[in-house]
Every structure is written in structure tokens, then in C-alpha cells.
Amino acid sequence: MTMLDKLKLSDKSIHTTFATPEAQARKAFLAGLDVQIAAAEAQTNGDTFIRRAKRWVDDPETGERILRDVPIKFRSWAWTDVSGKLMVTVRYGNRPLEVKPGKTSIEVGDQANLLPTLNLLRNAVVAGELDKALLAAKQSRTTSLKKAS
């Protein structure tokens, strides 16, 4: 038996795994939703959430370009309406996503319900319940980007 025979080989690739438009939209949306969940967890624990990303910056001492972990702007989907209820506007990119026709926000109530609501939304996305809405948002976003260029 050769060493390669000990490995469990597969014919799957990243291109076939995320080949469908639904899977691509779901993956992009889940990335944004995971950031919102991390922010809600930090807020629940009493910590401040700082979103960070890798960026190339010029080092002031040497003048070289260095890859650094820098804070970037974070936009929460949660907001409070005039009656004091916590709401979550679900977004795909920078646009509100219609969870159901004409409905872009979820009424959470109070801060204690935010994390369970976001986790429930994540489970619904993983189950494929928002695939039609995600595809519609992706196509709308694509057409508006083509018009701009």
C-alpha cells in the first residue's frame, strides 16, 4: 500500500462546491451575517466589537508597504425604532434584503433576543429558505453595477 492510498481522495473542488449561484449568494450572505453575530456576541458579553481586516499600509519609518491588521468601519444591522423596539434590517451587500415580499426588517424586541434571532436567521439561510430572495438581490445588485460602469 502506497502512502497516497492512505488518503481519502475526492473529486470535489471549490469550483464545483460553490458553482451554483444560490451557493455563491448564500456564502456571501453568511459571511456578512457571521460578522453581525460576532458583534452581537461581543455586545452581549459587554465587550466592544472592532471589525478588522488586512490592508497594505505604508510604514512611516521605512516607507515600505506592510500588510497590517487594521480596524475598519462596522455597520450594524440592528437599530431601534421610535417605540423603543430593537429591529434588524437584513442586508445583502449594502441593500436591504426582502425576507418576505415587502418585509426587510425583523422585529427583535429587546437586546436579549438579538443573538437568538440572528442565529435563527443563519439556520434559515443554511437550510436554503432565503435562496430566492438572495438570488433576486444578487441579480438586482449585478444589474445596477453594470449600469454604473
N, C-alpha and C. Protein backbone atom coordinates (compact mmCIF):
# COMPACT_ATOMS: atom_id res chain seq x y z
N MET A 1 0.85 -1.18 0.00
CA MET A 1 0.00 0.00 0.00
C MET A 1 0.89 1.24 0.00
N THR A 2 0.62 2.14 -0.94
CA THR A 2 1.40 3.36 -1.02
C THR A 2 0.87 4.39 -0.03
N MET A 3 1.63 5.42 0.17
CA MET A 3 1.22 6.47 1.11
C MET A 3 -0.01 7.21 0.62
N LEU A 4 -0.13 7.39 -0.69
CA LEU A 4 -1.29 8.08 -1.23
C LEU A 4 -2.57 7.28 -1.06
N ASP A 5 -2.46 5.97 -0.97
CA ASP A 5 -3.64 5.14 -0.76
C ASP A 5 -4.23 5.33 0.63
N LYS A 6 -3.46 5.87 1.55
CA LYS A 6 -3.94 6.12 2.91
C LYS A 6 -4.83 7.36 2.98
N LEU A 7 -4.74 8.21 1.96
CA LEU A 7 -5.54 9.44 1.93
C LEU A 7 -6.92 9.18 1.37
N LYS A 8 -7.89 9.91 1.88
CA LYS A 8 -9.24 9.83 1.35
C LYS A 8 -9.36 10.89 0.24
N LEU A 9 -9.31 10.46 -1.00
CA LEU A 9 -9.32 11.36 -2.15
C LEU A 9 -10.75 11.65 -2.59
N SER A 10 -10.94 12.82 -3.18
CA SER A 10 -12.26 13.24 -3.62
C SER A 10 -12.14 13.96 -4.96
N ASP A 11 -13.23 13.95 -5.73
CA ASP A 11 -13.24 14.66 -6.99
C ASP A 11 -13.82 16.07 -6.86
N LYS A 12 -14.18 16.48 -5.64
CA LYS A 12 -14.75 17.80 -5.41
C LYS A 12 -13.68 18.87 -5.48
N SER A 13 -14.09 20.04 -5.94
CA SER A 13 -13.21 21.19 -5.93
C SER A 13 -14.00 22.39 -5.43
N ILE A 14 -13.32 23.46 -5.13
CA ILE A 14 -14.02 24.65 -4.66
C ILE A 14 -14.93 25.21 -5.76
N HIS A 15 -14.56 24.99 -7.00
CA HIS A 15 -15.36 25.50 -8.11
C HIS A 15 -16.66 24.73 -8.26
N THR A 16 -16.66 23.43 -7.97
CA THR A 16 -17.90 22.66 -8.08
C THR A 16 -18.74 22.79 -6.82
N THR A 17 -18.11 23.04 -5.67
CA THR A 17 -18.86 23.16 -4.42
C THR A 17 -19.70 24.43 -4.41
N PHE A 18 -19.12 25.54 -4.87
CA PHE A 18 -19.84 26.80 -4.89
C PHE A 18 -20.18 27.22 -6.31
N ALA A 19 -20.48 26.25 -7.16
CA ALA A 19 -20.73 26.53 -8.58
C ALA A 19 -22.09 27.15 -8.82
N THR A 20 -23.07 26.81 -8.01
CA THR A 20 -24.41 27.33 -8.26
C THR A 20 -24.50 28.78 -7.77
N PRO A 21 -25.31 29.59 -8.43
CA PRO A 21 -25.49 30.97 -7.97
C PRO A 21 -26.08 31.05 -6.56
N GLU A 22 -26.95 30.08 -6.22
CA GLU A 22 -27.53 30.06 -4.89
C GLU A 22 -26.45 29.87 -3.83
N ALA A 23 -25.53 28.94 -4.08
CA ALA A 23 -24.46 28.67 -3.12
C ALA A 23 -23.53 29.87 -2.98
N GLN A 24 -23.25 30.55 -4.07
CA GLN A 24 -22.39 31.73 -4.01
C GLN A 24 -23.04 32.85 -3.22
N ALA A 25 -24.32 33.10 -3.47
CA ALA A 25 -25.04 34.15 -2.75
C ALA A 25 -25.16 33.80 -1.27
N ARG A 26 -25.44 32.54 -0.99
CA ARG A 26 -25.56 32.08 0.40
C ARG A 26 -24.24 32.27 1.14
N LYS A 27 -23.14 31.93 0.48
CA LYS A 27 -21.81 32.05 1.10
C LYS A 27 -21.50 33.52 1.41
N ALA A 28 -21.78 34.41 0.48
CA ALA A 28 -21.52 35.83 0.69
C ALA A 28 -22.39 36.39 1.81
N PHE A 29 -23.67 36.01 1.82
CA PHE A 29 -24.57 36.50 2.86
C PHE A 29 -24.18 35.97 4.23
N LEU A 30 -23.80 34.69 4.31
CA LEU A 30 -23.40 34.12 5.59
C LEU A 30 -22.15 34.79 6.15
N ALA A 31 -21.25 35.23 5.28
CA ALA A 31 -20.06 35.94 5.76
C ALA A 31 -20.46 37.24 6.46
N GLY A 32 -21.37 37.98 5.87
CA GLY A 32 -21.86 39.20 6.50
C GLY A 32 -22.65 38.94 7.76
N LEU A 33 -23.45 37.89 7.74
CA LEU A 33 -24.25 37.55 8.91
C LEU A 33 -23.38 37.09 10.07
N ASP A 34 -22.28 36.39 9.78
CA ASP A 34 -21.37 35.95 10.83
C ASP A 34 -20.71 37.14 11.52
N VAL A 35 -20.44 38.20 10.78
CA VAL A 35 -19.89 39.42 11.39
C VAL A 35 -20.92 40.04 12.34
N GLN A 36 -22.19 40.06 11.93
CA GLN A 36 -23.25 40.60 12.78
C GLN A 36 -23.42 39.76 14.05
N ILE A 37 -23.30 38.44 13.91
CA ILE A 37 -23.41 37.55 15.07
C ILE A 37 -22.25 37.79 16.03
N ALA A 38 -21.05 37.95 15.49
CA ALA A 38 -19.88 38.22 16.35
C ALA A 38 -20.05 39.53 17.10
N ALA A 39 -20.61 40.55 16.44
CA ALA A 39 -20.84 41.84 17.09
C ALA A 39 -21.90 41.71 18.18
N ALA A 40 -22.94 40.93 17.92
CA ALA A 40 -23.99 40.73 18.92
C ALA A 40 -23.45 39.95 20.13
N GLU A 41 -22.59 38.96 19.88
CA GLU A 41 -21.98 38.21 20.99
C GLU A 41 -21.10 39.13 21.83
N ALA A 42 -20.33 39.99 21.19
CA ALA A 42 -19.47 40.92 21.92
C ALA A 42 -20.32 41.88 22.76
N GLN A 43 -21.41 42.35 22.18
CA GLN A 43 -22.29 43.27 22.90
C GLN A 43 -22.96 42.57 24.08
N THR A 44 -23.33 41.31 23.91
CA THR A 44 -23.94 40.54 24.99
C THR A 44 -22.95 40.34 26.14
N ASN A 45 -21.67 40.13 25.80
CA ASN A 45 -20.64 39.93 26.82
C ASN A 45 -20.13 41.23 27.41
N GLY A 46 -20.60 42.37 26.90
CA GLY A 46 -20.17 43.66 27.41
C GLY A 46 -18.87 44.15 26.80
N ASP A 47 -18.42 43.53 25.72
CA ASP A 47 -17.19 43.94 25.05
C ASP A 47 -17.52 44.88 23.89
N THR A 48 -16.51 45.60 23.44
CA THR A 48 -16.69 46.41 22.24
C THR A 48 -16.23 45.59 21.05
N PHE A 49 -16.96 45.68 19.96
CA PHE A 49 -16.64 44.93 18.76
C PHE A 49 -15.90 45.84 17.79
N ILE A 50 -14.74 45.39 17.36
CA ILE A 50 -13.97 46.12 16.36
C ILE A 50 -13.72 45.18 15.20
N ARG A 51 -14.27 45.52 14.07
CA ARG A 51 -14.06 44.71 12.87
C ARG A 51 -12.69 45.04 12.30
N ARG A 52 -11.95 44.02 11.96
CA ARG A 52 -10.59 44.21 11.48
C ARG A 52 -10.40 43.51 10.14
N ALA A 53 -9.47 44.05 9.35
CA ALA A 53 -9.16 43.46 8.05
C ALA A 53 -7.69 43.72 7.74
N LYS A 54 -7.16 42.91 6.86
CA LYS A 54 -5.77 43.08 6.42
C LYS A 54 -5.73 44.14 5.33
N ARG A 55 -4.84 45.11 5.48
CA ARG A 55 -4.67 46.17 4.50
C ARG A 55 -3.17 46.46 4.32
N TRP A 56 -2.81 46.82 3.11
CA TRP A 56 -1.44 47.23 2.83
C TRP A 56 -1.33 48.71 3.19
N VAL A 57 -0.40 49.03 4.09
CA VAL A 57 -0.19 50.41 4.51
C VAL A 57 1.29 50.75 4.37
N ASP A 58 1.57 52.04 4.21
CA ASP A 58 2.96 52.50 4.13
C ASP A 58 3.50 52.68 5.54
N ASP A 59 4.65 52.09 5.82
CA ASP A 59 5.31 52.26 7.10
C ASP A 59 5.95 53.65 7.12
N PRO A 60 5.59 54.50 8.10
CA PRO A 60 6.12 55.86 8.10
C PRO A 60 7.64 55.92 8.32
N GLU A 61 8.21 54.93 8.98
CA GLU A 61 9.64 54.96 9.27
C GLU A 61 10.48 54.51 8.07
N THR A 62 10.08 53.40 7.45
CA THR A 62 10.89 52.83 6.37
C THR A 62 10.35 53.17 4.99
N GLY A 63 9.09 53.53 4.88
CA GLY A 63 8.50 53.82 3.58
C GLY A 63 8.05 52.58 2.83
N GLU A 64 8.22 51.40 3.42
CA GLU A 64 7.82 50.15 2.78
C GLU A 64 6.33 49.92 2.96
N ARG A 65 5.78 49.14 2.05
CA ARG A 65 4.37 48.73 2.19
C ARG A 65 4.34 47.46 3.01
N ILE A 66 3.52 47.49 4.07
CA ILE A 66 3.43 46.38 5.02
C ILE A 66 1.98 45.95 5.14
N LEU A 67 1.76 44.65 5.21
CA LEU A 67 0.41 44.12 5.42
C LEU A 67 0.11 44.18 6.92
N ARG A 68 -0.91 44.96 7.28
CA ARG A 68 -1.26 45.13 8.68
C ARG A 68 -2.72 44.82 8.91
N ASP A 69 -3.03 44.46 10.14
CA ASP A 69 -4.39 44.22 10.58
C ASP A 69 -4.92 45.56 11.11
N VAL A 70 -5.87 46.17 10.40
CA VAL A 70 -6.35 47.50 10.77
C VAL A 70 -7.85 47.45 11.05
N PRO A 71 -8.35 48.35 11.91
CA PRO A 71 -9.79 48.41 12.14
C PRO A 71 -10.49 49.03 10.93
N ILE A 72 -11.65 48.48 10.60
CA ILE A 72 -12.45 49.02 9.51
C ILE A 72 -13.86 49.32 10.02
N LYS A 73 -14.59 50.11 9.28
CA LYS A 73 -15.92 50.53 9.70
C LYS A 73 -16.87 49.34 9.78
N PHE A 74 -17.64 49.30 10.85
CA PHE A 74 -18.64 48.26 11.04
C PHE A 74 -20.01 48.91 11.07
N ARG A 75 -20.92 48.38 10.26
CA ARG A 75 -22.30 48.87 10.24
C ARG A 75 -23.21 47.78 10.76
N SER A 76 -23.81 48.05 11.88
CA SER A 76 -24.73 47.08 12.49
C SER A 76 -26.05 47.08 11.74
N TRP A 77 -26.64 45.90 11.63
CA TRP A 77 -27.96 45.78 11.02
C TRP A 77 -29.06 46.12 12.03
N ALA A 78 -28.72 46.16 13.32
CA ALA A 78 -29.71 46.39 14.38
C ALA A 78 -29.91 47.89 14.58
N TRP A 79 -31.14 48.27 14.84
CA TRP A 79 -31.48 49.65 15.12
C TRP A 79 -32.74 49.68 15.98
N THR A 80 -33.01 50.82 16.60
CA THR A 80 -34.16 50.96 17.49
C THR A 80 -35.18 51.87 16.83
N ASP A 81 -36.45 51.44 16.80
CA ASP A 81 -37.48 52.27 16.20
C ASP A 81 -37.99 53.29 17.22
N VAL A 82 -38.96 54.10 16.82
CA VAL A 82 -39.44 55.18 17.69
C VAL A 82 -40.13 54.68 18.95
N SER A 83 -40.67 53.47 18.90
CA SER A 83 -41.34 52.92 20.09
C SER A 83 -40.36 52.22 21.03
N GLY A 84 -39.07 52.16 20.66
CA GLY A 84 -38.06 51.56 21.54
C GLY A 84 -37.79 50.10 21.27
N LYS A 85 -38.42 49.53 20.25
CA LYS A 85 -38.19 48.12 19.92
C LYS A 85 -36.94 47.98 19.06
N LEU A 86 -36.19 46.94 19.33
CA LEU A 86 -35.00 46.66 18.54
C LEU A 86 -35.42 45.95 17.25
N MET A 87 -34.89 46.44 16.14
CA MET A 87 -35.20 45.89 14.83
C MET A 87 -33.90 45.49 14.16
N VAL A 88 -33.97 44.55 13.21
CA VAL A 88 -32.83 44.15 12.41
C VAL A 88 -33.23 44.25 10.95
N THR A 89 -32.49 45.06 10.20
CA THR A 89 -32.70 45.15 8.76
C THR A 89 -31.69 44.22 8.11
N VAL A 90 -32.18 43.17 7.50
CA VAL A 90 -31.33 42.17 6.86
C VAL A 90 -30.80 42.77 5.56
N ARG A 91 -29.49 42.66 5.33
CA ARG A 91 -28.87 43.28 4.16
C ARG A 91 -28.06 42.27 3.35
N TYR A 92 -28.11 42.45 2.04
CA TYR A 92 -27.23 41.72 1.13
C TYR A 92 -26.36 42.79 0.49
N GLY A 93 -25.11 42.84 0.88
CA GLY A 93 -24.24 43.93 0.46
C GLY A 93 -24.65 45.17 1.22
N ASN A 94 -24.96 46.23 0.52
CA ASN A 94 -25.39 47.45 1.19
C ASN A 94 -26.87 47.73 0.99
N ARG A 95 -27.61 46.74 0.48
CA ARG A 95 -29.03 46.93 0.22
C ARG A 95 -29.87 46.04 1.13
N PRO A 96 -31.04 46.55 1.56
CA PRO A 96 -31.94 45.71 2.37
C PRO A 96 -32.42 44.51 1.56
N LEU A 97 -32.51 43.38 2.23
CA LEU A 97 -32.95 42.13 1.61
C LEU A 97 -34.40 41.87 2.03
N GLU A 98 -35.26 41.60 1.06
CA GLU A 98 -36.65 41.27 1.38
C GLU A 98 -36.72 39.83 1.86
N VAL A 99 -36.92 39.67 3.16
CA VAL A 99 -37.03 38.33 3.73
C VAL A 99 -38.30 37.67 3.20
N LYS A 100 -39.37 38.43 3.19
CA LYS A 100 -40.63 38.07 2.54
C LYS A 100 -41.00 39.30 1.71
N PRO A 101 -41.85 39.16 0.72
CA PRO A 101 -42.17 40.31 -0.12
C PRO A 101 -42.63 41.53 0.69
N GLY A 102 -41.91 42.63 0.54
CA GLY A 102 -42.25 43.87 1.24
C GLY A 102 -41.75 43.94 2.67
N LYS A 103 -41.10 42.91 3.16
CA LYS A 103 -40.64 42.86 4.56
C LYS A 103 -39.11 42.78 4.58
N THR A 104 -38.46 43.88 4.99
CA THR A 104 -37.00 43.89 5.04
C THR A 104 -36.45 43.89 6.46
N SER A 105 -37.31 44.09 7.45
CA SER A 105 -36.84 44.15 8.84
C SER A 105 -37.49 43.07 9.68
N ILE A 106 -36.75 42.69 10.72
CA ILE A 106 -37.24 41.71 11.69
C ILE A 106 -37.36 42.41 13.03
N GLU A 107 -38.52 42.30 13.66
CA GLU A 107 -38.71 42.89 14.98
C GLU A 107 -38.14 41.94 16.03
N VAL A 108 -37.11 42.41 16.73
CA VAL A 108 -36.42 41.60 17.72
C VAL A 108 -37.02 41.80 19.10
N GLY A 109 -37.38 43.03 19.43
CA GLY A 109 -37.95 43.34 20.74
C GLY A 109 -36.93 44.00 21.63
N ASP A 110 -36.10 43.19 22.31
CA ASP A 110 -35.06 43.76 23.16
C ASP A 110 -33.70 43.10 22.87
N GLN A 111 -32.68 43.63 23.49
CA GLN A 111 -31.31 43.21 23.22
C GLN A 111 -31.07 41.72 23.49
N ALA A 112 -31.76 41.16 24.46
CA ALA A 112 -31.57 39.74 24.81
C ALA A 112 -31.99 38.81 23.68
N ASN A 113 -32.88 39.26 22.81
CA ASN A 113 -33.37 38.42 21.71
C ASN A 113 -32.56 38.57 20.43
N LEU A 114 -31.59 39.48 20.40
CA LEU A 114 -30.85 39.75 19.18
C LEU A 114 -30.03 38.55 18.72
N LEU A 115 -29.24 37.99 19.60
CA LEU A 115 -28.38 36.87 19.23
C LEU A 115 -29.18 35.63 18.81
N PRO A 116 -30.22 35.24 19.56
CA PRO A 116 -31.03 34.10 19.09
C PRO A 116 -31.71 34.36 17.74
N THR A 117 -32.12 35.61 17.48
CA THR A 117 -32.75 35.95 16.22
C THR A 117 -31.76 35.82 15.06
N LEU A 118 -30.54 36.33 15.25
CA LEU A 118 -29.52 36.23 14.21
C LEU A 118 -29.12 34.78 13.96
N ASN A 119 -29.03 33.97 15.02
CA ASN A 119 -28.71 32.55 14.85
C ASN A 119 -29.83 31.81 14.12
N LEU A 120 -31.08 32.16 14.41
CA LEU A 120 -32.22 31.56 13.72
C LEU A 120 -32.19 31.94 12.23
N LEU A 121 -31.86 33.19 11.96
CA LEU A 121 -31.74 33.64 10.57
C LEU A 121 -30.62 32.88 9.86
N ARG A 122 -29.51 32.67 10.55
CA ARG A 122 -28.39 31.92 9.96
C ARG A 122 -28.81 30.49 9.62
N ASN A 123 -29.53 29.84 10.53
CA ASN A 123 -30.00 28.48 10.28
C ASN A 123 -30.96 28.44 9.08
N ALA A 124 -31.78 29.47 8.94
CA ALA A 124 -32.71 29.53 7.80
C ALA A 124 -31.94 29.68 6.48
N VAL A 125 -30.87 30.47 6.50
CA VAL A 125 -30.07 30.65 5.28
C VAL A 125 -29.35 29.36 4.93
N VAL A 126 -28.78 28.69 5.91
CA VAL A 126 -28.09 27.42 5.66
C VAL A 126 -29.06 26.38 5.11
N ALA A 127 -30.30 26.41 5.58
CA ALA A 127 -31.32 25.47 5.10
C ALA A 127 -31.82 25.84 3.71
N GLY A 128 -31.46 27.02 3.20
CA GLY A 128 -31.85 27.41 1.85
C GLY A 128 -33.18 28.13 1.78
N GLU A 129 -33.71 28.60 2.90
CA GLU A 129 -35.02 29.24 2.90
C GLU A 129 -35.00 30.63 2.27
N LEU A 130 -33.84 31.26 2.18
CA LEU A 130 -33.75 32.60 1.61
C LEU A 130 -33.09 32.62 0.24
N ASP A 131 -32.96 31.47 -0.40
CA ASP A 131 -32.25 31.40 -1.67
C ASP A 131 -32.88 32.28 -2.74
N LYS A 132 -34.21 32.29 -2.85
CA LYS A 132 -34.88 33.10 -3.87
C LYS A 132 -34.65 34.58 -3.62
N ALA A 133 -34.74 35.00 -2.37
CA ALA A 133 -34.52 36.41 -2.04
C ALA A 133 -33.06 36.80 -2.27
N LEU A 134 -32.14 35.92 -1.94
CA LEU A 134 -30.72 36.20 -2.15
C LEU A 134 -30.40 36.31 -3.64
N LEU A 135 -30.96 35.42 -4.44
CA LEU A 135 -30.73 35.48 -5.89
C LEU A 135 -31.30 36.75 -6.50
N ALA A 136 -32.49 37.14 -6.05
CA ALA A 136 -33.09 38.37 -6.56
C ALA A 136 -32.24 39.58 -6.18
N ALA A 137 -31.73 39.59 -4.96
CA ALA A 137 -30.88 40.70 -4.53
C ALA A 137 -29.55 40.71 -5.28
N LYS A 138 -29.01 39.52 -5.53
CA LYS A 138 -27.75 39.43 -6.27
C LYS A 138 -27.93 39.93 -7.70
N GLN A 139 -29.03 39.54 -8.35
CA GLN A 139 -29.27 39.98 -9.72
C GLN A 139 -29.54 41.48 -9.78
N SER A 140 -30.27 42.01 -8.81
CA SER A 140 -30.54 43.44 -8.76
C SER A 140 -29.24 44.22 -8.57
N ARG A 141 -28.39 43.71 -7.71
CA ARG A 141 -27.10 44.35 -7.45
C ARG A 141 -26.21 44.30 -8.69
N THR A 142 -26.21 43.17 -9.38
CA THR A 142 -25.38 43.00 -10.58
C THR A 142 -25.83 43.95 -11.68
N THR A 143 -27.15 44.07 -11.90
CA THR A 143 -27.63 44.96 -12.96
C THR A 143 -27.33 46.42 -12.65
N SER A 144 -27.44 46.82 -11.38
CA SER A 144 -27.14 48.22 -11.05
C SER A 144 -25.65 48.50 -11.15
N LEU A 145 -24.81 47.52 -10.86
CA LEU A 145 -23.37 47.70 -11.01
C LEU A 145 -22.98 47.80 -12.48
N LYS A 146 -23.67 47.05 -13.34
CA LYS A 146 -23.39 47.13 -14.79
C LYS A 146 -23.80 48.49 -15.34
N LYS A 147 -24.91 49.05 -14.84
CA LYS A 147 -25.35 50.36 -15.30
C LYS A 147 -24.38 51.46 -14.91
N ALA A 148 -23.76 51.29 -13.74
CA ALA A 148 -22.84 52.32 -13.23
C ALA A 148 -21.54 52.37 -14.02
N SER A 149 -21.15 51.24 -14.61
CA SER A 149 -19.86 51.23 -15.33
C SER A 149 -19.99 51.52 -16.80
